[in-house]
């Protein structure tokens, strides 16, 4: 089946999909408790399978390989959800505990403006890597795959972007940040 897939045989791909997609969705939804997330994960796996069919190396049987990919994607999804939920809870607790004053709103807008200005000074590729990481919440591996660059390049560009932002925020917004925190 893998050999046919490597030869661009769409019927082989369809057969693999019909054999394993439903089972993988069931497995993923038993771990994630969300059918849509499970379907998205399996969809992404099969898209990746088709896109990388020429380089595909399956050590054991295909079913084990697909389940391994699914497990990795489930773990990634859970990690992202935990981070987002913790962040949302932190933001909600801040909003509940503290009323936002006009000064804080102005300071927050100033900080946002400084960040936006600083991002616009970065090279287009570094800015793109930063935005994929911070706004689309993609992992380093996902960014590397999407942009077709090495993971180390992604790490280096993220580091460059963060250093640049820190430097911009340190000098220009100390007062704004203090007002925002108060």
C-alpha atoms as a PDB file:
ATOM      1  CA  UNK A   1       0.000   0.000   0.000  1.00  0.00           C
ATOM      2  CA  UNK A   2       2.845   2.394   0.889  1.00  0.00           C
ATOM      3  CA  UNK A   3       4.628   1.620  -2.367  1.00  0.00           C
ATOM      4  CA  UNK A   4       1.499   2.493  -4.341  1.00  0.00           C
ATOM      5  CA  UNK A   5       1.069   5.677  -2.318  1.00  0.00           C
ATOM      6  CA  UNK A   6       4.641   6.708  -3.142  1.00  0.00           C
ATOM      7  CA  UNK A   7       3.760   6.263  -6.818  1.00  0.00           C
ATOM      8  CA  UNK A   8       0.976   8.893  -6.506  1.00  0.00           C
ATOM      9  CA  UNK A   9      -1.764   6.263  -6.514  1.00  0.00           C
ATOM     10  CA  UNK A  10      -4.819   8.148  -5.253  1.00  0.00           C
ATOM     11  CA  UNK A  11      -6.750   4.886  -4.977  1.00  0.00           C
ATOM     12  CA  UNK A  12      -4.173   3.625  -2.461  1.00  0.00           C
ATOM     13  CA  UNK A  13      -4.601   6.834  -0.499  1.00  0.00           C
ATOM     14  CA  UNK A  14      -8.397   6.453  -0.586  1.00  0.00           C
ATOM     15  CA  UNK A  15      -8.096   2.876   0.629  1.00  0.00           C
ATOM     16  CA  UNK A  16      -5.817   3.901   3.505  1.00  0.00           C
ATOM     17  CA  UNK A  17      -8.231   6.660   4.406  1.00  0.00           C
ATOM     18  CA  UNK A  18     -11.273   4.388   4.358  1.00  0.00           C
ATOM     19  CA  UNK A  19      -9.491   1.752   6.445  1.00  0.00           C
ATOM     20  CA  UNK A  20      -8.114   3.970   9.177  1.00  0.00           C
ATOM     21  CA  UNK A  21      -9.767   7.414   9.333  1.00  0.00           C
ATOM     22  CA  UNK A  22     -12.837   6.439  11.373  1.00  0.00           C
ATOM     23  CA  UNK A  23     -10.796   4.343  13.810  1.00  0.00           C
ATOM     24  CA  UNK A  24      -8.298   7.169  14.287  1.00  0.00           C
ATOM     25  CA  UNK A  25     -11.075   9.727  14.837  1.00  0.00           C
ATOM     26  CA  UNK A  26     -12.590   7.424  17.456  1.00  0.00           C
ATOM     27  CA  UNK A  27      -9.229   7.039  19.171  1.00  0.00           C
ATOM     28  CA  UNK A  28      -8.561  10.778  19.137  1.00  0.00           C
ATOM     29  CA  UNK A  29     -12.034  11.715  20.378  1.00  0.00           C
ATOM     30  CA  UNK A  30     -11.703   9.261  23.282  1.00  0.00           C
ATOM     31  CA  UNK A  31      -8.671  11.258  24.430  1.00  0.00           C
ATOM     32  CA  UNK A  32      -9.794  14.777  23.538  1.00  0.00           C
ATOM     33  CA  UNK A  33     -13.531  14.522  24.212  1.00  0.00           C
ATOM     34  CA  UNK A  34     -14.145  16.811  21.239  1.00  0.00           C
ATOM     35  CA  UNK A  35     -15.177  15.282  17.941  1.00  0.00           C
ATOM     36  CA  UNK A  36     -14.325  18.373  15.862  1.00  0.00           C
ATOM     37  CA  UNK A  37     -10.784  18.579  17.270  1.00  0.00           C
ATOM     38  CA  UNK A  38     -10.390  14.862  16.604  1.00  0.00           C
ATOM     39  CA  UNK A  39     -11.564  15.191  13.021  1.00  0.00           C
ATOM     40  CA  UNK A  40      -9.238  18.160  12.479  1.00  0.00           C
ATOM     41  CA  UNK A  41      -6.270  16.188  13.783  1.00  0.00           C
ATOM     42  CA  UNK A  42      -7.005  13.203  11.565  1.00  0.00           C
ATOM     43  CA  UNK A  43      -7.597  15.454   8.575  1.00  0.00           C
ATOM     44  CA  UNK A  44      -4.211  17.096   9.156  1.00  0.00           C
ATOM     45  CA  UNK A  45      -2.535  13.698   9.458  1.00  0.00           C
ATOM     46  CA  UNK A  46      -3.946  12.510   6.148  1.00  0.00           C
ATOM     47  CA  UNK A  47      -3.055  15.781   4.430  1.00  0.00           C
ATOM     48  CA  UNK A  48       0.492  15.374   5.740  1.00  0.00           C
ATOM     49  CA  UNK A  49       0.518  11.730   4.644  1.00  0.00           C
ATOM     50  CA  UNK A  50      -0.378  12.740   1.086  1.00  0.00           C
ATOM     51  CA  UNK A  51       1.985  15.702   0.963  1.00  0.00           C
ATOM     52  CA  UNK A  52       4.942  13.718   2.299  1.00  0.00           C
ATOM     53  CA  UNK A  53       4.149  10.441   0.546  1.00  0.00           C
ATOM     54  CA  UNK A  54       7.398  10.422  -1.434  1.00  0.00           C
ATOM     55  CA  UNK A  55       9.561  10.668   1.703  1.00  0.00           C
ATOM     56  CA  UNK A  56       7.367   8.363   3.789  1.00  0.00           C
ATOM     57  CA  UNK A  57       9.244   5.739   5.793  1.00  0.00           C
ATOM     58  CA  UNK A  58       7.104   3.357   7.801  1.00  0.00           C
ATOM     59  CA  UNK A  59       9.171   1.130  10.099  1.00  0.00           C
ATOM     60  CA  UNK A  60       6.360  -1.181  11.106  1.00  0.00           C
ATOM     61  CA  UNK A  61       2.878  -1.472   9.753  1.00  0.00           C
ATOM     62  CA  UNK A  62       0.948   1.548   8.525  1.00  0.00           C
ATOM     63  CA  UNK A  63      -1.725   1.295  11.222  1.00  0.00           C
ATOM     64  CA  UNK A  64       0.881   1.580  14.001  1.00  0.00           C
ATOM     65  CA  UNK A  65       2.492   4.513  12.194  1.00  0.00           C
ATOM     66  CA  UNK A  66      -0.836   6.377  11.884  1.00  0.00           C
ATOM     67  CA  UNK A  67      -1.688   5.752  15.535  1.00  0.00           C
ATOM     68  CA  UNK A  68       1.722   7.083  16.561  1.00  0.00           C
ATOM     69  CA  UNK A  69       1.180  10.262  14.530  1.00  0.00           C
ATOM     70  CA  UNK A  70      -2.274  10.612  16.085  1.00  0.00           C
ATOM     71  CA  UNK A  71      -0.890  10.214  19.615  1.00  0.00           C
ATOM     72  CA  UNK A  72       1.678  12.949  18.983  1.00  0.00           C
ATOM     73  CA  UNK A  73      -0.973  15.295  17.612  1.00  0.00           C
ATOM     74  CA  UNK A  74      -3.261  14.590  20.587  1.00  0.00           C
ATOM     75  CA  UNK A  75      -0.474  15.441  23.021  1.00  0.00           C
ATOM     76  CA  UNK A  76       0.273  18.664  21.109  1.00  0.00           C
ATOM     77  CA  UNK A  77      -3.412  19.615  21.145  1.00  0.00           C
ATOM     78  CA  UNK A  78      -3.733  18.949  24.877  1.00  0.00           C
ATOM     79  CA  UNK A  79      -0.621  21.036  25.585  1.00  0.00           C
ATOM     80  CA  UNK A  80      -1.967  23.933  23.524  1.00  0.00           C
ATOM     81  CA  UNK A  81      -5.384  23.708  25.196  1.00  0.00           C
ATOM     82  CA  UNK A  82      -3.847  23.694  28.666  1.00  0.00           C
ATOM     83  CA  UNK A  83      -1.763  26.753  27.844  1.00  0.00           C
ATOM     84  CA  UNK A  84      -4.743  28.593  26.359  1.00  0.00           C
ATOM     85  CA  UNK A  85      -7.023  27.666  29.257  1.00  0.00           C
ATOM     86  CA  UNK A  86      -4.442  28.783  31.828  1.00  0.00           C
ATOM     87  CA  UNK A  87      -3.927  32.031  29.960  1.00  0.00           C
ATOM     88  CA  UNK A  88      -7.680  32.630  29.641  1.00  0.00           C
ATOM     89  CA  UNK A  89      -8.162  31.911  33.348  1.00  0.00           C
ATOM     90  CA  UNK A  90      -5.359  34.332  34.222  1.00  0.00           C
ATOM     91  CA  UNK A  91      -6.834  37.067  32.021  1.00  0.00           C
ATOM     92  CA  UNK A  92     -10.309  36.467  33.467  1.00  0.00           C
ATOM     93  CA  UNK A  93      -9.014  36.610  37.024  1.00  0.00           C
ATOM     94  CA  UNK A  94      -7.223  39.863  36.273  1.00  0.00           C
ATOM     95  CA  UNK A  95     -10.354  41.336  34.716  1.00  0.00           C
ATOM     96  CA  UNK A  96     -12.484  40.284  37.689  1.00  0.00           C
ATOM     97  CA  UNK A  97     -10.040  41.332  40.378  1.00  0.00           C
ATOM     98  CA  UNK A  98      -9.139  44.711  38.953  1.00  0.00           C
ATOM     99  CA  UNK A  99     -11.199  47.307  37.219  1.00  0.00           C
ATOM    100  CA  UNK A 100      -9.413  48.737  34.225  1.00  0.00           C
ATOM    101  CA  UNK A 101      -8.888  52.476  34.466  1.00  0.00           C
ATOM    102  CA  UNK A 102      -8.601  54.912  31.602  1.00  0.00           C
ATOM    103  CA  UNK A 103      -4.886  55.279  32.337  1.00  0.00           C
ATOM    104  CA  UNK A 104      -4.435  51.523  32.084  1.00  0.00           C
ATOM    105  CA  UNK A 105      -6.305  51.417  28.782  1.00  0.00           C
ATOM    106  CA  UNK A 106      -4.105  54.181  27.392  1.00  0.00           C
ATOM    107  CA  UNK A 107      -0.984  52.404  28.669  1.00  0.00           C
ATOM    108  CA  UNK A 108      -2.146  49.127  27.120  1.00  0.00           C
ATOM    109  CA  UNK A 109      -2.736  50.865  23.790  1.00  0.00           C
ATOM    110  CA  UNK A 110       0.703  52.441  23.993  1.00  0.00           C
ATOM    111  CA  UNK A 111       2.309  49.073  24.698  1.00  0.00           C
ATOM    112  CA  UNK A 112       0.386  47.524  21.793  1.00  0.00           C
ATOM    113  CA  UNK A 113       1.538  50.365  19.535  1.00  0.00           C
ATOM    114  CA  UNK A 114       5.164  49.898  20.616  1.00  0.00           C
ATOM    115  CA  UNK A 115       4.938  46.164  19.941  1.00  0.00           C
ATOM    116  CA  UNK A 116       3.364  46.733  16.521  1.00  0.00           C
ATOM    117  CA  UNK A 117       5.978  49.333  15.591  1.00  0.00           C
ATOM    118  CA  UNK A 118       8.764  47.081  16.808  1.00  0.00           C
ATOM    119  CA  UNK A 119       7.395  44.117  14.828  1.00  0.00           C
ATOM    120  CA  UNK A 120       7.288  46.243  11.682  1.00  0.00           C
ATOM    121  CA  UNK A 121      11.033  46.910  12.059  1.00  0.00           C
ATOM    122  CA  UNK A 122      11.803  43.176  11.880  1.00  0.00           C
ATOM    123  CA  UNK A 123      12.589  41.438   8.621  1.00  0.00           C
ATOM    124  CA  UNK A 124       9.450  40.021   6.978  1.00  0.00           C
ATOM    125  CA  UNK A 125      10.493  36.392   7.664  1.00  0.00           C
ATOM    126  CA  UNK A 126      11.302  36.993  11.355  1.00  0.00           C
ATOM    127  CA  UNK A 127       8.015  38.838  11.768  1.00  0.00           C
ATOM    128  CA  UNK A 128       6.143  36.006  10.039  1.00  0.00           C
ATOM    129  CA  UNK A 129       7.738  33.387  12.326  1.00  0.00           C
ATOM    130  CA  UNK A 130       6.889  35.466  15.399  1.00  0.00           C
ATOM    131  CA  UNK A 131       3.258  35.946  14.332  1.00  0.00           C
ATOM    132  CA  UNK A 132       2.817  32.242  13.533  1.00  0.00           C
ATOM    133  CA  UNK A 133       4.161  31.400  16.966  1.00  0.00           C
ATOM    134  CA  UNK A 134       2.363  33.999  19.047  1.00  0.00           C
ATOM    135  CA  UNK A 135      -0.853  34.710  17.173  1.00  0.00           C
ATOM    136  CA  UNK A 136      -1.564  31.356  15.513  1.00  0.00           C
ATOM    137  CA  UNK A 137      -0.036  29.346  18.390  1.00  0.00           C
ATOM    138  CA  UNK A 138       1.901  27.075  16.040  1.00  0.00           C
ATOM    139  CA  UNK A 139       4.726  24.976  17.434  1.00  0.00           C
ATOM    140  CA  UNK A 140       8.278  25.323  16.212  1.00  0.00           C
ATOM    141  CA  UNK A 141       7.874  22.099  14.244  1.00  0.00           C
ATOM    142  CA  UNK A 142       4.638  23.296  12.646  1.00  0.00           C
ATOM    143  CA  UNK A 143       6.189  26.651  11.696  1.00  0.00           C
ATOM    144  CA  UNK A 144       9.255  24.935  10.212  1.00  0.00           C
ATOM    145  CA  UNK A 145       7.022  22.658   8.167  1.00  0.00           C
ATOM    146  CA  UNK A 146       4.731  25.444   7.025  1.00  0.00           C
ATOM    147  CA  UNK A 147       7.578  27.749   5.962  1.00  0.00           C
ATOM    148  CA  UNK A 148       9.798  24.908   4.771  1.00  0.00           C
ATOM    149  CA  UNK A 149      12.745  25.944   6.946  1.00  0.00           C
ATOM    150  CA  UNK A 150      14.643  24.109   9.659  1.00  0.00           C
ATOM    151  CA  UNK A 151      13.449  24.058  13.257  1.00  0.00           C
ATOM    152  CA  UNK A 152      16.723  25.664  14.317  1.00  0.00           C
ATOM    153  CA  UNK A 153      16.067  28.560  11.929  1.00  0.00           C
ATOM    154  CA  UNK A 154      12.625  29.002  13.505  1.00  0.00           C
ATOM    155  CA  UNK A 155      14.179  29.029  16.994  1.00  0.00           C
ATOM    156  CA  UNK A 156      16.811  31.558  15.934  1.00  0.00           C
ATOM    157  CA  UNK A 157      14.246  33.852  14.327  1.00  0.00           C
ATOM    158  CA  UNK A 158      11.939  33.652  17.358  1.00  0.00           C
ATOM    159  CA  UNK A 159      14.859  34.494  19.603  1.00  0.00           C
ATOM    160  CA  UNK A 160      15.750  37.475  17.406  1.00  0.00           C
ATOM    161  CA  UNK A 161      12.155  38.729  17.466  1.00  0.00           C
ATOM    162  CA  UNK A 162      11.814  38.373  21.238  1.00  0.00           C
ATOM    163  CA  UNK A 163      15.133  40.135  21.926  1.00  0.00           C
ATOM    164  CA  UNK A 164      14.064  42.975  19.648  1.00  0.00           C
ATOM    165  CA  UNK A 165      10.663  43.272  21.358  1.00  0.00           C
ATOM    166  CA  UNK A 166      12.210  43.185  24.838  1.00  0.00           C
ATOM    167  CA  UNK A 167      14.616  45.941  23.898  1.00  0.00           C
ATOM    168  CA  UNK A 168      11.782  48.042  22.455  1.00  0.00           C
ATOM    169  CA  UNK A 169       9.586  47.558  25.499  1.00  0.00           C
ATOM    170  CA  UNK A 170      12.354  48.129  28.025  1.00  0.00           C
ATOM    171  CA  UNK A 171      13.239  51.634  26.992  1.00  0.00           C
ATOM    172  CA  UNK A 172      10.065  53.048  25.588  1.00  0.00           C
ATOM    173  CA  UNK A 173       7.330  51.743  27.808  1.00  0.00           C
ATOM    174  CA  UNK A 174       8.529  51.383  31.378  1.00  0.00           C
ATOM    175  CA  UNK A 175       6.153  54.122  32.516  1.00  0.00           C
ATOM    176  CA  UNK A 176       3.259  52.787  30.431  1.00  0.00           C
ATOM    177  CA  UNK A 177       3.822  49.294  31.763  1.00  0.00           C
ATOM    178  CA  UNK A 178       3.850  50.541  35.357  1.00  0.00           C
ATOM    179  CA  UNK A 179       0.598  52.442  34.808  1.00  0.00           C
ATOM    180  CA  UNK A 180      -0.946  49.354  33.205  1.00  0.00           C
ATOM    181  CA  UNK A 181       0.069  47.206  36.194  1.00  0.00           C
ATOM    182  CA  UNK A 182      -1.255  49.656  38.779  1.00  0.00           C
END
